[in-house]
Protein backbone atom coordinates (compact mmCIF):
# COMPACT_ATOMS: atom_id res chain seq x y z
CA UNK A 1 0.15 0.05 -0.20
CA UNK A 2 1.61 3.46 -1.39
CA UNK A 3 1.53 6.18 1.55
CA UNK A 4 -0.40 9.73 0.27
CA UNK A 5 1.83 12.18 -0.56
CA UNK A 6 1.51 15.39 1.29
CA UNK A 7 2.39 17.22 -2.18
CA UNK A 8 -0.15 16.18 -4.84
CA UNK A 9 2.30 16.81 -7.48
CA UNK A 10 5.74 15.17 -6.44
CA UNK A 11 9.21 16.35 -7.55
CA UNK A 12 8.05 19.98 -8.51
CA UNK A 13 8.87 23.21 -6.49
CA UNK A 14 6.32 24.39 -4.93
CA UNK A 15 5.35 27.79 -6.34
CA UNK A 16 4.65 30.92 -4.62
CA UNK A 17 2.34 34.29 -6.01
CA UNK A 18 4.48 37.21 -5.38
CA UNK A 19 4.27 38.52 -1.92
CA UNK A 20 3.23 34.80 -0.43
CA UNK A 21 6.87 33.52 -0.27
CA UNK A 22 7.45 31.66 3.02
CA UNK A 23 9.53 33.50 5.81
CA UNK A 24 11.60 32.82 8.25
CA UNK A 25 9.62 32.14 11.62
CA UNK A 26 9.06 34.95 13.93
CA UNK A 27 9.10 37.42 10.74
CA UNK A 28 7.01 40.15 11.82
CA UNK A 29 4.62 42.09 9.59
CA UNK A 30 7.02 45.05 9.05
CA UNK A 31 9.85 42.74 8.40
CA UNK A 32 8.06 41.14 5.86
CA UNK A 33 6.65 44.19 4.24
CA UNK A 34 10.49 45.83 4.16
CA UNK A 35 11.95 42.74 2.42
CA UNK A 36 8.95 42.97 -0.53
CA UNK A 37 10.56 46.48 -0.83
CA UNK A 38 13.82 45.47 -0.93
CA UNK A 39 13.01 42.98 -3.43
CA UNK A 40 11.08 45.26 -5.14
CA UNK A 41 13.96 47.80 -5.45
CA UNK A 42 16.41 44.99 -6.22
CA UNK A 43 14.51 44.13 -9.38
CA UNK A 44 14.16 47.79 -10.83
CA UNK A 45 18.16 48.34 -10.38
CA UNK A 46 18.54 44.56 -12.02
CA UNK A 47 16.02 45.76 -14.77
CA UNK A 48 18.01 49.59 -14.93
CA UNK A 49 21.41 47.85 -15.13
CA UNK A 50 20.28 45.68 -18.11
CA UNK A 51 18.91 48.48 -20.04
CA UNK A 52 21.09 49.78 -22.98
CA UNK A 53 20.68 53.26 -22.54
CA UNK A 54 22.59 53.35 -19.40
CA UNK A 55 25.01 50.61 -20.43
CA UNK A 56 26.06 53.34 -23.50
CA UNK A 57 25.77 56.22 -20.74
CA UNK A 58 28.04 54.33 -18.49
CA UNK A 59 30.69 53.11 -20.99
CA UNK A 60 30.78 56.71 -22.53
CA UNK A 61 31.31 58.44 -19.17
CA UNK A 62 34.00 55.81 -17.98
CA UNK A 63 35.70 56.18 -21.96
CA UNK A 64 35.43 60.48 -21.31
CA UNK A 65 36.99 59.95 -17.40
CA UNK A 66 39.83 57.52 -18.68
CA UNK A 67 40.70 59.48 -22.00
CA UNK A 68 41.06 62.82 -20.07
CA UNK A 69 43.08 60.93 -17.59
CA UNK A 70 45.22 59.34 -20.09
CA UNK A 71 45.75 62.85 -21.48
CA UNK A 72 46.55 64.38 -18.55
CA UNK A 73 49.39 61.63 -18.09
CA UNK A 74 50.64 61.78 -21.12
CA UNK A 75 51.14 65.89 -20.76
CA UNK A 76 53.71 65.42 -18.12
CA UNK A 77 56.05 64.31 -21.50
CA UNK A 78 54.70 66.79 -23.96
CA UNK A 79 56.30 69.92 -22.82
CA UNK A 80 60.07 71.63 -22.67
CA UNK A 81 62.12 71.86 -19.77
CA UNK A 82 60.97 74.97 -18.16
CA UNK A 83 64.11 76.16 -17.45
CA UNK A 84 65.54 75.97 -20.98
CA UNK A 85 65.68 79.45 -23.18
CA UNK A 86 62.84 79.12 -25.57
CA UNK A 87 60.18 78.84 -22.52
CA UNK A 88 62.27 81.91 -21.44
CA UNK A 89 60.21 84.39 -23.87
CA UNK A 90 56.74 84.46 -21.72
CA UNK A 91 56.58 84.89 -17.89
CA UNK A 92 56.05 82.10 -15.63
CA UNK A 93 51.87 83.09 -15.15
CA UNK A 94 51.80 83.06 -19.09
CA UNK A 95 53.53 79.80 -19.31
CA UNK A 96 51.28 78.28 -16.98
CA UNK A 97 48.10 79.24 -18.24
CA UNK A 98 49.18 78.07 -21.87
CA UNK A 99 50.14 74.71 -20.45
CA UNK A 100 46.60 74.39 -18.70
CA UNK A 101 44.83 75.38 -21.33
CA UNK A 102 46.85 73.09 -23.76
CA UNK A 103 45.92 70.10 -20.87
CA UNK A 104 42.50 70.86 -20.95
CA UNK A 105 42.08 71.04 -24.69
CA UNK A 106 44.33 68.01 -25.06
CA UNK A 107 41.74 66.04 -22.03
CA UNK A 108 38.64 66.68 -23.63
CA UNK A 109 39.49 65.92 -26.79
CA UNK A 110 40.97 62.94 -25.93
CA UNK A 111 38.19 61.90 -23.86
CA UNK A 112 35.59 62.78 -26.65
CA UNK A 113 37.52 60.13 -28.45
CA UNK A 114 37.29 57.58 -25.67
CA UNK A 115 33.50 58.09 -25.10
CA UNK A 116 32.72 57.43 -28.37
CA UNK A 117 34.34 54.41 -28.67
CA UNK A 118 32.96 53.44 -25.53
CA UNK A 119 29.39 54.28 -26.57
CA UNK A 120 29.92 52.57 -29.72
CA UNK A 121 31.17 49.55 -28.60
CA UNK A 122 29.13 49.55 -25.58
CA UNK A 123 25.84 50.12 -27.29
CA UNK A 124 26.69 47.99 -30.24
CA UNK A 125 27.06 44.65 -28.16
CA UNK A 126 24.02 45.53 -25.86
CA UNK A 127 22.25 45.50 -29.33
CA UNK A 128 23.88 41.98 -30.41
CA UNK A 129 23.15 40.52 -27.04
CA UNK A 130 19.53 41.54 -27.06
CA UNK A 131 19.14 39.96 -30.65
CA UNK A 132 20.74 37.15 -29.65
CA UNK A 133 19.26 36.65 -26.18
CA UNK A 134 22.83 35.29 -24.82
CA UNK A 135 25.50 36.54 -23.49
CA UNK A 136 29.06 34.92 -24.66
CA UNK A 137 32.19 35.90 -26.41
CA UNK A 138 30.44 35.70 -29.60
CA UNK A 139 28.74 39.01 -28.50
CA UNK A 140 31.88 40.71 -27.83
CA UNK A 141 33.84 39.51 -31.09
CA UNK A 142 31.05 40.84 -33.18
CA UNK A 143 30.51 43.85 -31.53
CA UNK A 144 34.11 44.47 -31.79
CA UNK A 145 34.36 44.00 -35.56
CA UNK A 146 31.36 46.40 -36.01
CA UNK A 147 32.50 48.82 -33.45
CA UNK A 148 36.13 48.93 -35.31
CA UNK A 149 34.51 49.11 -38.96
CA UNK A 150 32.43 52.03 -37.71
CA UNK A 151 34.95 54.11 -36.53
CA UNK A 152 37.31 53.34 -39.25
CA UNK A 153 34.65 53.69 -41.90
CA UNK A 154 35.90 57.20 -43.26
CA UNK A 155 39.31 55.57 -44.11
CA UNK A 156 37.96 53.08 -46.53
CA UNK A 157 36.82 49.59 -47.05
CA UNK A 158 40.32 48.21 -46.65
CA UNK A 159 40.38 49.93 -43.35
CA UNK A 160 37.30 49.43 -42.16
CA UNK A 161 37.96 45.71 -42.31
CA UNK A 162 41.24 45.67 -41.05
CA UNK A 163 39.80 47.70 -38.00
CA UNK A 164 37.07 45.66 -37.45
CA UNK A 165 39.45 42.87 -37.30
CA UNK A 166 41.75 44.27 -34.78
CA UNK A 167 38.69 45.38 -32.55
CA UNK A 168 37.18 42.30 -32.70
CA UNK A 169 40.97 40.31 -31.94
CA UNK A 170 41.19 42.74 -28.88
CA UNK A 171 37.24 42.26 -28.16
CA UNK A 172 37.67 38.46 -27.45
CA UNK A 173 41.02 38.46 -26.33
CA UNK A 174 39.83 40.83 -23.01
CA UNK A 175 36.29 39.04 -23.00
CA UNK A 176 38.08 35.45 -23.16
CA UNK A 177 40.74 36.95 -20.29
CA UNK A 178 37.31 38.30 -18.07
CA UNK A 179 35.64 35.17 -18.30
CA UNK A 180 38.27 32.80 -18.01
CA UNK A 181 38.35 30.67 -14.66
CA UNK A 182 40.02 31.80 -11.87
CA UNK A 183 42.91 29.69 -10.52
CA UNK A 184 42.69 28.13 -7.13
């Protein structure tokens, strides 16, 4: 004689309606509401982080900051010795103003370039990921190829293909490294 099963459909996990999930014993109604509010906020933040406009905005902002920082670091090597005769034609204040204006222009220009690359790459990758409904290395390589080709399009077909291949290889290598299993 078989024993009756407490679950009418054995081997299936129970399904609970939203807001009616079991909670630990001794949980008050206020704590239950707080948990539901936290879960709701977690869902909203997850949806926002998966949106393409936010990814493009974050990538372009990070690219702008990184381009400006690289330009700032390279600016230290771009100027001649302040004690040389060529710079003695201007006062110290005028030299300082000239150097800071030049650094600001270079930082702005480099930042815009890096922001453009970041925005194009992340936008293309997000569109490919949404179309394929997968998150794998193929998205990075495809987005790298298309981004490189878009960035080099004004130089001709040959340059666009070369830029696409180079960007695809670079994107694939970076994505492969980031997806690699950690050493134990």
